[in-house]
Amino acid sequence: MPPSRLRLAVDMDEVLADALTAQRAWFSRTYGRDWTDAELRGRHFRDLVPADEYAAMEAMLHQGDFFATLAVMPGAQDAISALCETCEVFITTAAMEHPASCAPKFAWLREHFPCISPLNIVFCGDKSILAADVMIDDNLRHFRRFQGQGVLFSAPHNMSETWTPRADNWPDVLTIVDRIDASR
């Protein structure tokens, strides 16, 4: 009997949706702050700004609308469509960090990833609860208690982190997922 389809848990922000570019633009418009990619390498916004500016950004994120207009990460739509042909794909976003983001995120996913069933969109907090073979995420903290294989999706904030496998883009994700699937 052939093995069951590989089950993938795919994060949204910084994996499917380009939240970083939108946050950078917000800081530029609001505070005149512009960082180079080198300045962002291995750092989070909270490391770069005074506490009051970071709190203002968090307040903006907690309103939720920010998540409605994010750009799609290059290659994500084609890759997710291809993965849906061979795998069970779930979008798993830690939306409980910003609960007002749920409706905007859901609408965004329906618009940009219509191949994902609404039943396969998971809004959660602690991702260790997920029962998947592979999790594709930009935050290592989600892999700590996850029972499957984590695939770190590269983002400026995680470039100082050591993790294997790491995907720098969506073609890398497809290669890694094929390799994992073939090894089962």
C-alpha atoms as a PDB file:
ATOM      1  CA  MET A   1       0.000   0.000   0.000  1.00  0.00           C
ATOM      2  CA  PRO A   2       1.460   3.428  -0.931  1.00  0.00           C
ATOM      3  CA  PRO A   3       2.138   5.847   1.907  1.00  0.00           C
ATOM      4  CA  SER A   4      -0.497   8.469   2.633  1.00  0.00           C
ATOM      5  CA  ARG A   5      -0.092  11.902   1.118  1.00  0.00           C
ATOM      6  CA  LEU A   6       2.473  14.076   2.859  1.00  0.00           C
ATOM      7  CA  ARG A   7       0.751  16.545   5.195  1.00  0.00           C
ATOM      8  CA  LEU A   8       2.183  20.078   5.101  1.00  0.00           C
ATOM      9  CA  ALA A   9       1.612  22.925   7.552  1.00  0.00           C
ATOM     10  CA  VAL A  10       2.518  26.196   5.820  1.00  0.00           C
ATOM     11  CA  ASP A  11       2.901  29.462   7.716  1.00  0.00           C
ATOM     12  CA  MET A  12       1.437  32.651   6.273  1.00  0.00           C
ATOM     13  CA  ASP A  13       3.459  35.734   7.288  1.00  0.00           C
ATOM     14  CA  GLU A  14       6.927  35.851   5.732  1.00  0.00           C
ATOM     15  CA  VAL A  15       6.269  32.531   3.968  1.00  0.00           C
ATOM     16  CA  LEU A  16       3.190  33.202   1.823  1.00  0.00           C
ATOM     17  CA  ALA A  17       2.647  36.893   2.606  1.00  0.00           C
ATOM     18  CA  ASP A  18       5.341  39.570   2.527  1.00  0.00           C
ATOM     19  CA  ALA A  19       4.699  41.187   5.896  1.00  0.00           C
ATOM     20  CA  LEU A  20       8.296  42.393   6.200  1.00  0.00           C
ATOM     21  CA  THR A  21       8.100  44.759   3.226  1.00  0.00           C
ATOM     22  CA  ALA A  22       4.814  46.183   4.521  1.00  0.00           C
ATOM     23  CA  GLN A  23       6.229  46.661   8.037  1.00  0.00           C
ATOM     24  CA  ARG A  24       9.335  48.332   6.644  1.00  0.00           C
ATOM     25  CA  ALA A  25       7.113  50.692   4.632  1.00  0.00           C
ATOM     26  CA  TRP A  26       5.049  51.453   7.750  1.00  0.00           C
ATOM     27  CA  PHE A  27       8.165  52.363   9.748  1.00  0.00           C
ATOM     28  CA  SER A  28       9.396  54.505   6.858  1.00  0.00           C
ATOM     29  CA  ARG A  29       6.092  56.395   6.542  1.00  0.00           C
ATOM     30  CA  THR A  30       5.499  56.705  10.284  1.00  0.00           C
ATOM     31  CA  TYR A  31       8.982  57.345  11.663  1.00  0.00           C
ATOM     32  CA  GLY A  32      11.197  57.927   8.627  1.00  0.00           C
ATOM     33  CA  ARG A  33      13.134  54.774   9.396  1.00  0.00           C
ATOM     34  CA  ASP A  34      14.735  52.901   6.510  1.00  0.00           C
ATOM     35  CA  TRP A  35      16.961  49.908   7.015  1.00  0.00           C
ATOM     36  CA  THR A  36      19.193  48.067   4.625  1.00  0.00           C
ATOM     37  CA  ASP A  37      18.866  44.307   4.323  1.00  0.00           C
ATOM     38  CA  ALA A  38      22.224  44.036   6.111  1.00  0.00           C
ATOM     39  CA  GLU A  39      20.893  46.059   9.070  1.00  0.00           C
ATOM     40  CA  LEU A  40      17.883  43.723   9.347  1.00  0.00           C
ATOM     41  CA  ARG A  41      19.937  40.535   9.136  1.00  0.00           C
ATOM     42  CA  GLY A  42      19.387  38.453  12.261  1.00  0.00           C
ATOM     43  CA  ARG A  43      17.331  41.181  13.944  1.00  0.00           C
ATOM     44  CA  HIS A  44      13.687  41.875  14.709  1.00  0.00           C
ATOM     45  CA  PHE A  45      12.061  45.317  14.608  1.00  0.00           C
ATOM     46  CA  ARG A  46      11.876  45.311  18.409  1.00  0.00           C
ATOM     47  CA  ASP A  47      15.703  45.246  18.385  1.00  0.00           C
ATOM     48  CA  LEU A  48      15.924  48.290  16.116  1.00  0.00           C
ATOM     49  CA  VAL A  49      13.513  50.877  17.493  1.00  0.00           C
ATOM     50  CA  PRO A  50      12.610  52.502  20.802  1.00  0.00           C
ATOM     51  CA  ALA A  51       9.952  50.701  22.834  1.00  0.00           C
ATOM     52  CA  ASP A  52       7.268  53.299  22.049  1.00  0.00           C
ATOM     53  CA  GLU A  53       7.731  52.881  18.279  1.00  0.00           C
ATOM     54  CA  TYR A  54       7.580  49.104  18.572  1.00  0.00           C
ATOM     55  CA  ALA A  55       4.426  49.411  20.710  1.00  0.00           C
ATOM     56  CA  ALA A  56       2.859  51.633  18.025  1.00  0.00           C
ATOM     57  CA  MET A  57       3.599  49.004  15.376  1.00  0.00           C
ATOM     58  CA  GLU A  58       2.107  46.285  17.583  1.00  0.00           C
ATOM     59  CA  ALA A  59      -1.009  48.431  18.113  1.00  0.00           C
ATOM     60  CA  MET A  60      -1.330  48.798  14.334  1.00  0.00           C
ATOM     61  CA  LEU A  61      -0.975  45.016  13.870  1.00  0.00           C
ATOM     62  CA  HIS A  62      -3.617  44.382  16.544  1.00  0.00           C
ATOM     63  CA  GLN A  63      -6.130  46.338  14.458  1.00  0.00           C
ATOM     64  CA  GLY A  64      -5.886  43.511  11.900  1.00  0.00           C
ATOM     65  CA  ASP A  65      -6.358  45.407   8.630  1.00  0.00           C
ATOM     66  CA  PHE A  66      -2.608  45.413   7.968  1.00  0.00           C
ATOM     67  CA  PHE A  67      -2.856  41.749   6.939  1.00  0.00           C
ATOM     68  CA  ALA A  68      -5.464  42.346   4.208  1.00  0.00           C
ATOM     69  CA  THR A  69      -3.197  43.939   1.622  1.00  0.00           C
ATOM     70  CA  LEU A  70       0.133  42.133   1.905  1.00  0.00           C
ATOM     71  CA  ALA A  71       1.968  41.157  -1.270  1.00  0.00           C
ATOM     72  CA  VAL A  72       2.318  37.469  -2.089  1.00  0.00           C
ATOM     73  CA  MET A  73       5.829  36.065  -1.705  1.00  0.00           C
ATOM     74  CA  PRO A  74       7.427  35.357  -5.087  1.00  0.00           C
ATOM     75  CA  GLY A  75       6.630  31.873  -6.366  1.00  0.00           C
ATOM     76  CA  ALA A  76       4.267  31.009  -3.520  1.00  0.00           C
ATOM     77  CA  GLN A  77       1.072  30.722  -5.564  1.00  0.00           C
ATOM     78  CA  ASP A  78       2.518  28.361  -8.161  1.00  0.00           C
ATOM     79  CA  ALA A  79       4.297  26.295  -5.522  1.00  0.00           C
ATOM     80  CA  ILE A  80       1.203  25.914  -3.325  1.00  0.00           C
ATOM     81  CA  SER A  81      -0.872  24.943  -6.366  1.00  0.00           C
ATOM     82  CA  ALA A  82       1.710  22.282  -7.248  1.00  0.00           C
ATOM     83  CA  LEU A  83       1.905  21.018  -3.664  1.00  0.00           C
ATOM     84  CA  CYS A  84      -1.884  20.734  -3.487  1.00  0.00           C
ATOM     85  CA  GLU A  85      -1.665  18.183  -6.321  1.00  0.00           C
ATOM     86  CA  THR A  86       0.514  15.782  -4.328  1.00  0.00           C
ATOM     87  CA  CYS A  87       0.184  16.731  -0.648  1.00  0.00           C
ATOM     88  CA  GLU A  88      -2.373  17.679   1.969  1.00  0.00           C
ATOM     89  CA  VAL A  89      -1.701  21.392   2.443  1.00  0.00           C
ATOM     90  CA  PHE A  90      -2.832  23.346   5.497  1.00  0.00           C
ATOM     91  CA  ILE A  91      -2.185  27.031   6.041  1.00  0.00           C
ATOM     92  CA  THR A  92      -1.245  27.381   9.713  1.00  0.00           C
ATOM     93  CA  THR A  93      -0.845  30.904  10.982  1.00  0.00           C
ATOM     94  CA  ALA A  94      -0.294  32.015  14.565  1.00  0.00           C
ATOM     95  CA  ALA A  95      -3.162  34.474  14.185  1.00  0.00           C
ATOM     96  CA  MET A  96      -3.944  34.442  17.902  1.00  0.00           C
ATOM     97  CA  GLU A  97      -0.968  36.759  18.376  1.00  0.00           C
ATOM     98  CA  HIS A  98      -3.140  39.375  16.592  1.00  0.00           C
ATOM     99  CA  PRO A  99      -6.740  38.076  16.876  1.00  0.00           C
ATOM    100  CA  ALA A 100      -8.255  40.888  14.793  1.00  0.00           C
ATOM    101  CA  SER A 101      -6.163  39.578  11.878  1.00  0.00           C
ATOM    102  CA  CYS A 102      -8.288  36.442  11.440  1.00  0.00           C
ATOM    103  CA  ALA A 103     -10.907  37.858   9.058  1.00  0.00           C
ATOM    104  CA  PRO A 104      -8.393  39.845   6.946  1.00  0.00           C
ATOM    105  CA  LYS A 105      -6.049  36.841   6.760  1.00  0.00           C
ATOM    106  CA  PHE A 106      -8.898  34.525   5.775  1.00  0.00           C
ATOM    107  CA  ALA A 107     -10.034  36.898   3.013  1.00  0.00           C
ATOM    108  CA  TRP A 108      -6.427  37.304   1.810  1.00  0.00           C
ATOM    109  CA  LEU A 109      -5.927  33.533   1.638  1.00  0.00           C
ATOM    110  CA  ARG A 110      -9.212  33.006  -0.227  1.00  0.00           C
ATOM    111  CA  GLU A 111      -8.201  35.677  -2.758  1.00  0.00           C
ATOM    112  CA  HIS A 112      -4.605  34.586  -3.355  1.00  0.00           C
ATOM    113  CA  PHE A 113      -4.751  30.831  -2.664  1.00  0.00           C
ATOM    114  CA  PRO A 114      -8.141  29.586  -3.858  1.00  0.00           C
ATOM    115  CA  CYS A 115      -6.750  26.030  -4.146  1.00  0.00           C
ATOM    116  CA  ILE A 116      -6.667  25.861  -0.322  1.00  0.00           C
ATOM    117  CA  SER A 117      -9.947  24.674   1.124  1.00  0.00           C
ATOM    118  CA  PRO A 118     -11.314  26.938   3.866  1.00  0.00           C
ATOM    119  CA  LEU A 119     -11.302  23.777   6.003  1.00  0.00           C
ATOM    120  CA  ASN A 120      -7.504  23.656   5.596  1.00  0.00           C
ATOM    121  CA  ILE A 121      -6.913  27.124   7.051  1.00  0.00           C
ATOM    122  CA  VAL A 122      -5.868  26.913  10.697  1.00  0.00           C
ATOM    123  CA  PHE A 123      -5.680  29.939  12.982  1.00  0.00           C
ATOM    124  CA  CYS A 124      -3.711  28.965  16.058  1.00  0.00           C
ATOM    125  CA  GLY A 125      -1.288  30.055  18.729  1.00  0.00           C
ATOM    126  CA  ASP A 126       1.054  27.237  19.763  1.00  0.00           C
ATOM    127  CA  LYS A 127       1.805  25.286  16.590  1.00  0.00           C
ATOM    128  CA  SER A 128       3.039  22.199  18.440  1.00  0.00           C
ATOM    129  CA  ILE A 129      -0.577  21.017  18.391  1.00  0.00           C
ATOM    130  CA  LEU A 130      -0.407  20.558  14.618  1.00  0.00           C
ATOM    131  CA  ALA A 131      -0.350  17.024  13.274  1.00  0.00           C
ATOM    132  CA  ALA A 132       1.647  17.381  10.070  1.00  0.00           C
ATOM    133  CA  ASP A 133       4.646  15.680   8.521  1.00  0.00           C
ATOM    134  CA  VAL A 134       6.330  18.958   7.557  1.00  0.00           C
ATOM    135  CA  MET A 135       5.998  22.542   8.776  1.00  0.00           C
ATOM    136  CA  ILE A 136       7.283  25.379   6.602  1.00  0.00           C
ATOM    137  CA  ASP A 137       7.790  28.437   8.803  1.00  0.00           C
ATOM    138  CA  ASP A 138      10.098  31.418   9.256  1.00  0.00           C
ATOM    139  CA  ASN A 139      10.195  31.129  13.071  1.00  0.00           C
ATOM    140  CA  LEU A 140      12.260  28.392  14.720  1.00  0.00           C
ATOM    141  CA  ARG A 141      10.173  28.660  17.888  1.00  0.00           C
ATOM    142  CA  HIS A 142       7.366  26.816  16.101  1.00  0.00           C
ATOM    143  CA  PHE A 143       9.606  23.780  15.561  1.00  0.00           C
ATOM    144  CA  ARG A 144      10.584  23.316  19.229  1.00  0.00           C
ATOM    145  CA  ARG A 145       7.777  20.907  20.136  1.00  0.00           C
ATOM    146  CA  PHE A 146       6.509  20.132  16.639  1.00  0.00           C
ATOM    147  CA  GLN A 147       6.563  16.377  16.011  1.00  0.00           C
ATOM    148  CA  GLY A 148       7.285  16.550  12.262  1.00  0.00           C
ATOM    149  CA  GLN A 149      10.106  17.996  10.179  1.00  0.00           C
ATOM    150  CA  GLY A 150      10.512  21.776  10.285  1.00  0.00           C
ATOM    151  CA  VAL A 151      11.659  23.581   7.151  1.00  0.00           C
ATOM    152  CA  LEU A 152      12.950  27.064   7.922  1.00  0.00           C
ATOM    153  CA  PHE A 153      11.859  29.610   5.313  1.00  0.00           C
ATOM    154  CA  SER A 154      14.567  32.259   5.122  1.00  0.00           C
ATOM    155  CA  ALA A 155      13.719  35.766   6.278  1.00  0.00           C
ATOM    156  CA  PRO A 156      16.043  38.542   7.394  1.00  0.00           C
ATOM    157  CA  HIS A 157      15.258  37.962  11.081  1.00  0.00           C
ATOM    158  CA  ASN A 158      16.326  34.289  10.936  1.00  0.00           C
ATOM    159  CA  MET A 159      19.485  34.593   8.838  1.00  0.00           C
ATOM    160  CA  SER A 160      21.718  34.146  11.898  1.00  0.00           C
ATOM    161  CA  GLU A 161      19.897  30.939  12.870  1.00  0.00           C
ATOM    162  CA  THR A 162      21.324  27.529  12.053  1.00  0.00           C
ATOM    163  CA  TRP A 163      18.691  25.061  10.840  1.00  0.00           C
ATOM    164  CA  THR A 164      18.514  22.297   8.290  1.00  0.00           C
ATOM    165  CA  PRO A 165      16.639  22.111   6.044  1.00  0.00           C
ATOM    166  CA  ARG A 166      16.369  25.774   5.115  1.00  0.00           C
ATOM    167  CA  ALA A 167      14.518  27.108   2.077  1.00  0.00           C
ATOM    168  CA  ASP A 168      15.576  30.439   0.616  1.00  0.00           C
ATOM    169  CA  ASN A 169      12.615  30.566  -1.767  1.00  0.00           C
ATOM    170  CA  TRP A 170       9.645  28.552  -3.027  1.00  0.00           C
ATOM    171  CA  PRO A 171      11.630  26.471  -5.577  1.00  0.00           C
ATOM    172  CA  ASP A 172      13.789  25.361  -2.621  1.00  0.00           C
ATOM    173  CA  VAL A 173      10.624  24.390  -0.712  1.00  0.00           C
ATOM    174  CA  LEU A 174       9.466  22.202  -3.602  1.00  0.00           C
ATOM    175  CA  THR A 175      12.862  20.457  -3.764  1.00  0.00           C
ATOM    176  CA  ILE A 176      12.967  19.860   0.011  1.00  0.00           C
ATOM    177  CA  VAL A 177       9.381  18.581   0.158  1.00  0.00           C
ATOM    178  CA  ASP A 178      10.057  16.206  -2.771  1.00  0.00           C
ATOM    179  CA  ARG A 179      13.153  14.893  -0.967  1.00  0.00           C
ATOM    180  CA  ILE A 180      11.252  14.394   2.311  1.00  0.00           C
ATOM    181  CA  ASP A 181       8.372  12.688   0.506  1.00  0.00           C
ATOM    182  CA  ALA A 182      10.717  10.367  -1.398  1.00  0.00           C
ATOM    183  CA  SER A 183      12.490   9.316   1.795  1.00  0.00           C
ATOM    184  CA  ARG A 184       9.310   8.066   3.503  1.00  0.00           C
END
